[in-house]
Each structure stands twice: as C-alpha cells, then as structure tokens.
Amino acid sequence: MMSTIVDSVVLIDIFVDDPVWANWSTKLLLVASKDGPLVINPIIYAEVAATFEEEHELEAALPKNRFNREDIPYPAASSPERRITNIDAGAASEIGHCRIFSSGRMHS
C-alpha cells in the first residue's frame, strides 16, 4: 500500500472544474485512492482554502475520512531516494512508500 500526497494544484483543478486539467486530476486522484491513503499537509490545506469562501465548505471538500492530514518532514522534500516519473502530462514523485501527484504547473 502506498500513501499519496496530493498537491494543492490537483485538488484546485477539481474544485474549480478547470476545463483543461479537471479530468486528468480526477482520474489520478481516483487511481491514487485505490492504491492507498490520500494525504494532505498544512500547506496544501492552506493553498486549497483560497478557493473556498467558508471553512465549512473547505472541510466538506477535504473530509478527514478521505484525506489524511499529516505533517511532512523537511527531509522528504530533498530525499535522495526521491524518484520522479511522468504520468501523462503531470508527474509523480516517490519518496519511500509515499507518492506525490502534481500537474507540474501553477494556477494563476
């Protein structure tokens, strides 16, 4: 079983129904959820929060029973064990038993 850290841009694609990226992001989230737990951290939570007006809407979009909320240690960001792989137009990084999905671009 592999945990997947879901990058904020993937979640924002889905929540704002991005015409270019929403389908790709939704498919990857579905695949990742079948492989193991989905994980967000405080930074991802804060970045996604900007797309909602009310905290209760944010909490409903990121339910604790679907998204594990974990702190991410700094070494995870620069681990020499990290492996980058292309997945369609995006990328996944693997750090030990954890995968990070990101589309590799920023929302404006």
N, C-alpha and C. Protein backbone atom coordinates (compact mmCIF):
# COMPACT_ATOMS: atom_id res chain seq x y z
N MET A 1 0.85 -1.18 0.00
CA MET A 1 0.00 0.00 0.00
C MET A 1 0.89 1.24 0.00
N MET A 2 0.53 2.20 -0.84
CA MET A 2 1.32 3.43 -0.95
C MET A 2 0.45 4.64 -0.65
N SER A 3 0.90 5.49 0.26
CA SER A 3 0.21 6.75 0.52
C SER A 3 0.53 7.72 -0.61
N THR A 4 -0.40 8.63 -0.90
CA THR A 4 -0.19 9.62 -1.93
C THR A 4 -0.44 11.01 -1.36
N ILE A 5 0.59 11.86 -1.41
CA ILE A 5 0.42 13.26 -1.05
C ILE A 5 -0.15 13.95 -2.29
N VAL A 6 -1.29 14.57 -2.14
CA VAL A 6 -1.97 15.19 -3.27
C VAL A 6 -1.64 16.68 -3.28
N ASP A 7 -0.97 17.12 -4.32
CA ASP A 7 -0.58 18.53 -4.45
C ASP A 7 -1.84 19.40 -4.54
N SER A 8 -1.74 20.60 -4.00
CA SER A 8 -2.88 21.51 -3.99
C SER A 8 -3.40 21.81 -5.39
N VAL A 9 -2.52 21.91 -6.37
CA VAL A 9 -2.97 22.26 -7.71
C VAL A 9 -3.87 21.17 -8.30
N VAL A 10 -3.64 19.91 -7.93
CA VAL A 10 -4.50 18.82 -8.38
C VAL A 10 -5.89 18.98 -7.78
N LEU A 11 -5.94 19.28 -6.50
CA LEU A 11 -7.24 19.48 -5.83
C LEU A 11 -7.96 20.71 -6.37
N ILE A 12 -7.23 21.79 -6.58
CA ILE A 12 -7.84 23.01 -7.10
C ILE A 12 -8.41 22.77 -8.50
N ASP A 13 -7.70 22.00 -9.32
CA ASP A 13 -8.24 21.63 -10.65
C ASP A 13 -9.64 21.07 -10.52
N ILE A 14 -9.82 20.19 -9.57
CA ILE A 14 -11.11 19.52 -9.38
C ILE A 14 -12.14 20.48 -8.80
N PHE A 15 -11.76 21.22 -7.78
CA PHE A 15 -12.72 22.09 -7.09
C PHE A 15 -13.21 23.25 -7.94
N VAL A 16 -12.36 23.75 -8.84
CA VAL A 16 -12.80 24.86 -9.71
C VAL A 16 -13.25 24.35 -11.08
N ASP A 17 -13.21 23.03 -11.26
CA ASP A 17 -13.58 22.39 -12.53
C ASP A 17 -12.81 23.00 -13.69
N ASP A 18 -11.49 23.00 -13.56
CA ASP A 18 -10.61 23.54 -14.59
C ASP A 18 -10.88 22.84 -15.92
N PRO A 19 -11.16 23.58 -16.99
CA PRO A 19 -11.52 22.97 -18.26
C PRO A 19 -10.40 22.15 -18.91
N VAL A 20 -9.16 22.45 -18.57
CA VAL A 20 -8.03 21.73 -19.16
C VAL A 20 -7.59 20.56 -18.28
N TRP A 21 -7.56 20.75 -16.97
CA TRP A 21 -6.93 19.79 -16.07
C TRP A 21 -7.86 18.99 -15.17
N ALA A 22 -9.11 19.36 -15.04
CA ALA A 22 -10.00 18.69 -14.07
C ALA A 22 -10.13 17.18 -14.32
N ASN A 23 -10.30 16.78 -15.56
CA ASN A 23 -10.44 15.35 -15.85
C ASN A 23 -9.18 14.57 -15.50
N TRP A 24 -8.02 15.11 -15.89
CA TRP A 24 -6.75 14.46 -15.58
C TRP A 24 -6.58 14.32 -14.08
N SER A 25 -6.83 15.40 -13.35
CA SER A 25 -6.66 15.40 -11.90
C SER A 25 -7.63 14.43 -11.22
N THR A 26 -8.86 14.39 -11.70
CA THR A 26 -9.86 13.49 -11.13
C THR A 26 -9.44 12.03 -11.33
N LYS A 27 -8.97 11.70 -12.53
CA LYS A 27 -8.53 10.33 -12.81
C LYS A 27 -7.36 9.94 -11.91
N LEU A 28 -6.38 10.82 -11.77
CA LEU A 28 -5.23 10.50 -10.92
C LEU A 28 -5.63 10.33 -9.46
N LEU A 29 -6.54 11.17 -9.00
CA LEU A 29 -6.99 11.05 -7.62
C LEU A 29 -7.70 9.72 -7.39
N LEU A 30 -8.48 9.29 -8.35
CA LEU A 30 -9.16 8.00 -8.26
C LEU A 30 -8.16 6.85 -8.23
N VAL A 31 -7.17 6.88 -9.11
CA VAL A 31 -6.14 5.84 -9.12
C VAL A 31 -5.39 5.82 -7.79
N ALA A 32 -4.99 6.99 -7.33
CA ALA A 32 -4.24 7.08 -6.08
C ALA A 32 -5.05 6.57 -4.90
N SER A 33 -6.34 6.87 -4.87
CA SER A 33 -7.17 6.45 -3.74
C SER A 33 -7.32 4.93 -3.69
N LYS A 34 -7.18 4.27 -4.83
CA LYS A 34 -7.25 2.80 -4.86
C LYS A 34 -5.95 2.18 -4.37
N ASP A 35 -4.83 2.92 -4.50
CA ASP A 35 -3.53 2.41 -4.09
C ASP A 35 -3.25 2.57 -2.61
N GLY A 36 -3.96 3.47 -1.94
CA GLY A 36 -3.71 3.70 -0.52
C GLY A 36 -4.25 5.04 -0.09
N PRO A 37 -3.91 5.44 1.13
CA PRO A 37 -4.43 6.69 1.67
C PRO A 37 -4.00 7.93 0.89
N LEU A 38 -4.90 8.90 0.82
CA LEU A 38 -4.59 10.22 0.26
C LEU A 38 -4.16 11.11 1.41
N VAL A 39 -3.13 11.90 1.19
CA VAL A 39 -2.54 12.70 2.27
C VAL A 39 -2.45 14.17 1.84
N ILE A 40 -2.78 15.05 2.76
CA ILE A 40 -2.53 16.48 2.59
C ILE A 40 -1.77 16.96 3.83
N ASN A 41 -1.11 18.10 3.68
CA ASN A 41 -0.40 18.68 4.82
C ASN A 41 -0.92 20.10 5.02
N PRO A 42 -0.47 20.79 6.06
CA PRO A 42 -0.99 22.14 6.32
C PRO A 42 -0.80 23.13 5.18
N ILE A 43 0.27 23.00 4.43
CA ILE A 43 0.50 23.93 3.31
C ILE A 43 -0.50 23.66 2.19
N ILE A 44 -0.70 22.40 1.86
CA ILE A 44 -1.69 22.04 0.84
C ILE A 44 -3.07 22.51 1.27
N TYR A 45 -3.41 22.29 2.53
CA TYR A 45 -4.71 22.71 3.06
C TYR A 45 -4.88 24.23 2.90
N ALA A 46 -3.85 24.99 3.25
CA ALA A 46 -3.92 26.46 3.16
C ALA A 46 -4.06 26.92 1.71
N GLU A 47 -3.32 26.30 0.81
CA GLU A 47 -3.42 26.69 -0.61
C GLU A 47 -4.80 26.39 -1.18
N VAL A 48 -5.36 25.26 -0.83
CA VAL A 48 -6.71 24.89 -1.31
C VAL A 48 -7.76 25.80 -0.68
N ALA A 49 -7.54 26.22 0.56
CA ALA A 49 -8.51 27.06 1.28
C ALA A 49 -8.85 28.33 0.51
N ALA A 50 -7.92 28.84 -0.26
CA ALA A 50 -8.16 30.08 -1.01
C ALA A 50 -9.27 29.95 -2.05
N THR A 51 -9.64 28.73 -2.40
CA THR A 51 -10.70 28.52 -3.39
C THR A 51 -12.10 28.46 -2.77
N PHE A 52 -12.17 28.54 -1.45
CA PHE A 52 -13.46 28.46 -0.75
C PHE A 52 -13.71 29.72 0.07
N GLU A 53 -14.95 30.12 0.15
CA GLU A 53 -15.31 31.30 0.94
C GLU A 53 -15.50 30.97 2.41
N GLU A 54 -16.00 29.78 2.70
CA GLU A 54 -16.32 29.39 4.08
C GLU A 54 -15.52 28.15 4.49
N GLU A 55 -15.10 28.13 5.74
CA GLU A 55 -14.32 26.99 6.24
C GLU A 55 -15.10 25.69 6.17
N HIS A 56 -16.41 25.73 6.42
CA HIS A 56 -17.19 24.50 6.37
C HIS A 56 -17.23 23.91 4.96
N GLU A 57 -17.13 24.77 3.92
CA GLU A 57 -17.06 24.28 2.54
C GLU A 57 -15.73 23.57 2.30
N LEU A 58 -14.66 24.15 2.82
CA LEU A 58 -13.34 23.55 2.70
C LEU A 58 -13.31 22.19 3.40
N GLU A 59 -13.84 22.15 4.61
CA GLU A 59 -13.86 20.90 5.37
C GLU A 59 -14.69 19.83 4.65
N ALA A 60 -15.78 20.22 4.02
CA ALA A 60 -16.61 19.27 3.27
C ALA A 60 -15.86 18.76 2.03
N ALA A 61 -15.06 19.61 1.41
CA ALA A 61 -14.31 19.22 0.21
C ALA A 61 -13.11 18.33 0.55
N LEU A 62 -12.57 18.49 1.74
CA LEU A 62 -11.41 17.71 2.18
C LEU A 62 -11.73 16.94 3.46
N PRO A 63 -12.69 16.01 3.38
CA PRO A 63 -13.10 15.31 4.60
C PRO A 63 -11.95 14.48 5.19
N LYS A 64 -11.88 14.48 6.51
CA LYS A 64 -10.80 13.78 7.20
C LYS A 64 -10.84 12.27 6.96
N ASN A 65 -12.00 11.73 6.64
CA ASN A 65 -12.08 10.29 6.38
C ASN A 65 -11.59 9.93 4.97
N ARG A 66 -11.33 10.93 4.13
CA ARG A 66 -10.82 10.69 2.78
C ARG A 66 -9.38 11.18 2.61
N PHE A 67 -9.04 12.26 3.32
CA PHE A 67 -7.70 12.85 3.22
C PHE A 67 -7.04 12.83 4.60
N ASN A 68 -6.00 12.01 4.74
CA ASN A 68 -5.25 12.02 5.98
C ASN A 68 -4.50 13.34 6.06
N ARG A 69 -4.50 13.93 7.22
CA ARG A 69 -3.80 15.21 7.43
C ARG A 69 -2.54 14.93 8.23
N GLU A 70 -1.41 15.15 7.56
CA GLU A 70 -0.12 14.82 8.17
C GLU A 70 0.86 15.96 8.01
N ASP A 71 1.76 16.08 8.98
CA ASP A 71 2.90 16.97 8.82
C ASP A 71 3.90 16.26 7.93
N ILE A 72 4.58 17.01 7.11
CA ILE A 72 5.57 16.44 6.21
C ILE A 72 6.95 16.91 6.66
N PRO A 73 7.85 15.99 6.96
CA PRO A 73 9.18 16.41 7.41
C PRO A 73 9.99 17.04 6.28
N TYR A 74 10.80 18.02 6.63
CA TYR A 74 11.63 18.70 5.63
C TYR A 74 12.49 17.73 4.80
N PRO A 75 13.08 16.68 5.38
CA PRO A 75 13.91 15.79 4.57
C PRO A 75 13.15 15.14 3.40
N ALA A 76 11.84 15.04 3.51
CA ALA A 76 11.07 14.44 2.42
C ALA A 76 11.17 15.27 1.14
N ALA A 77 11.39 16.56 1.27
CA ALA A 77 11.46 17.44 0.11
C ALA A 77 12.76 17.29 -0.67
N SER A 78 13.80 16.81 -0.02
CA SER A 78 15.09 16.72 -0.70
C SER A 78 15.70 15.33 -0.61
N SER A 79 14.88 14.34 -0.35
CA SER A 79 15.37 12.97 -0.18
C SER A 79 16.07 12.47 -1.44
N PRO A 80 17.28 11.91 -1.29
CA PRO A 80 17.96 11.33 -2.46
C PRO A 80 17.25 10.10 -2.98
N GLU A 81 16.32 9.55 -2.19
CA GLU A 81 15.56 8.37 -2.60
C GLU A 81 14.39 8.74 -3.50
N ARG A 82 14.15 10.06 -3.66
CA ARG A 82 13.01 10.51 -4.45
C ARG A 82 13.22 10.15 -5.91
N ARG A 83 12.18 9.67 -6.54
CA ARG A 83 12.22 9.31 -7.95
C ARG A 83 11.08 10.03 -8.64
N ILE A 84 11.37 10.73 -9.73
CA ILE A 84 10.35 11.46 -10.48
C ILE A 84 9.96 10.63 -11.69
N THR A 85 8.66 10.45 -11.88
CA THR A 85 8.18 9.74 -13.06
C THR A 85 7.10 10.56 -13.73
N ASN A 86 7.02 10.48 -15.04
CA ASN A 86 5.98 11.18 -15.78
C ASN A 86 4.71 10.35 -15.79
N ILE A 87 3.60 11.00 -15.55
CA ILE A 87 2.30 10.36 -15.64
C ILE A 87 1.45 11.26 -16.50
N ASP A 88 1.25 10.84 -17.75
CA ASP A 88 0.55 11.66 -18.73
C ASP A 88 1.23 13.03 -18.77
N ALA A 89 0.47 14.10 -18.54
CA ALA A 89 1.04 15.44 -18.62
C ALA A 89 1.58 15.91 -17.28
N GLY A 90 1.49 15.09 -16.25
CA GLY A 90 1.92 15.51 -14.92
C GLY A 90 3.10 14.69 -14.45
N ALA A 91 3.32 14.69 -13.17
CA ALA A 91 4.45 13.96 -12.62
C ALA A 91 4.09 13.40 -11.26
N ALA A 92 4.79 12.34 -10.90
CA ALA A 92 4.66 11.79 -9.56
C ALA A 92 6.05 11.62 -9.00
N SER A 93 6.24 12.01 -7.76
CA SER A 93 7.50 11.79 -7.07
C SER A 93 7.26 10.67 -6.08
N GLU A 94 8.22 9.78 -5.97
CA GLU A 94 8.11 8.73 -4.97
C GLU A 94 9.21 8.91 -3.94
N ILE A 95 8.81 8.90 -2.69
CA ILE A 95 9.75 9.01 -1.56
C ILE A 95 9.43 7.84 -0.65
N GLY A 96 10.23 6.81 -0.69
CA GLY A 96 9.94 5.64 0.12
C GLY A 96 8.62 5.03 -0.30
N HIS A 97 7.69 4.97 0.63
CA HIS A 97 6.38 4.40 0.34
C HIS A 97 5.33 5.47 0.15
N CYS A 98 5.74 6.64 -0.28
CA CYS A 98 4.82 7.76 -0.45
C CYS A 98 4.98 8.33 -1.84
N ARG A 99 3.87 8.66 -2.47
CA ARG A 99 3.88 9.23 -3.82
C ARG A 99 3.26 10.61 -3.75
N ILE A 100 3.78 11.53 -4.55
CA ILE A 100 3.24 12.90 -4.62
C ILE A 100 2.77 13.14 -6.04
N PHE A 101 1.48 13.47 -6.21
CA PHE A 101 0.95 13.78 -7.53
C PHE A 101 0.89 15.29 -7.70
N SER A 102 1.39 15.76 -8.83
CA SER A 102 1.32 17.17 -9.17
C SER A 102 1.27 17.29 -10.68
N SER A 103 0.59 18.31 -11.16
CA SER A 103 0.49 18.50 -12.60
C SER A 103 1.70 19.22 -13.15
N GLY A 104 2.58 19.69 -12.30
CA GLY A 104 3.80 20.35 -12.75
C GLY A 104 3.61 21.77 -13.25
N ARG A 105 2.49 22.40 -12.91
CA ARG A 105 2.27 23.78 -13.30
C ARG A 105 1.56 24.48 -12.17
N MET A 106 1.52 25.79 -12.23
CA MET A 106 0.91 26.59 -11.18
C MET A 106 -0.37 27.22 -11.70
N HIS A 107 -1.36 27.36 -10.81
CA HIS A 107 -2.57 28.12 -11.15
C HIS A 107 -2.27 29.60 -10.99
N SER A 108 -2.88 30.41 -11.80
CA SER A 108 -2.67 31.85 -11.66
C SER A 108 -3.82 32.45 -10.87
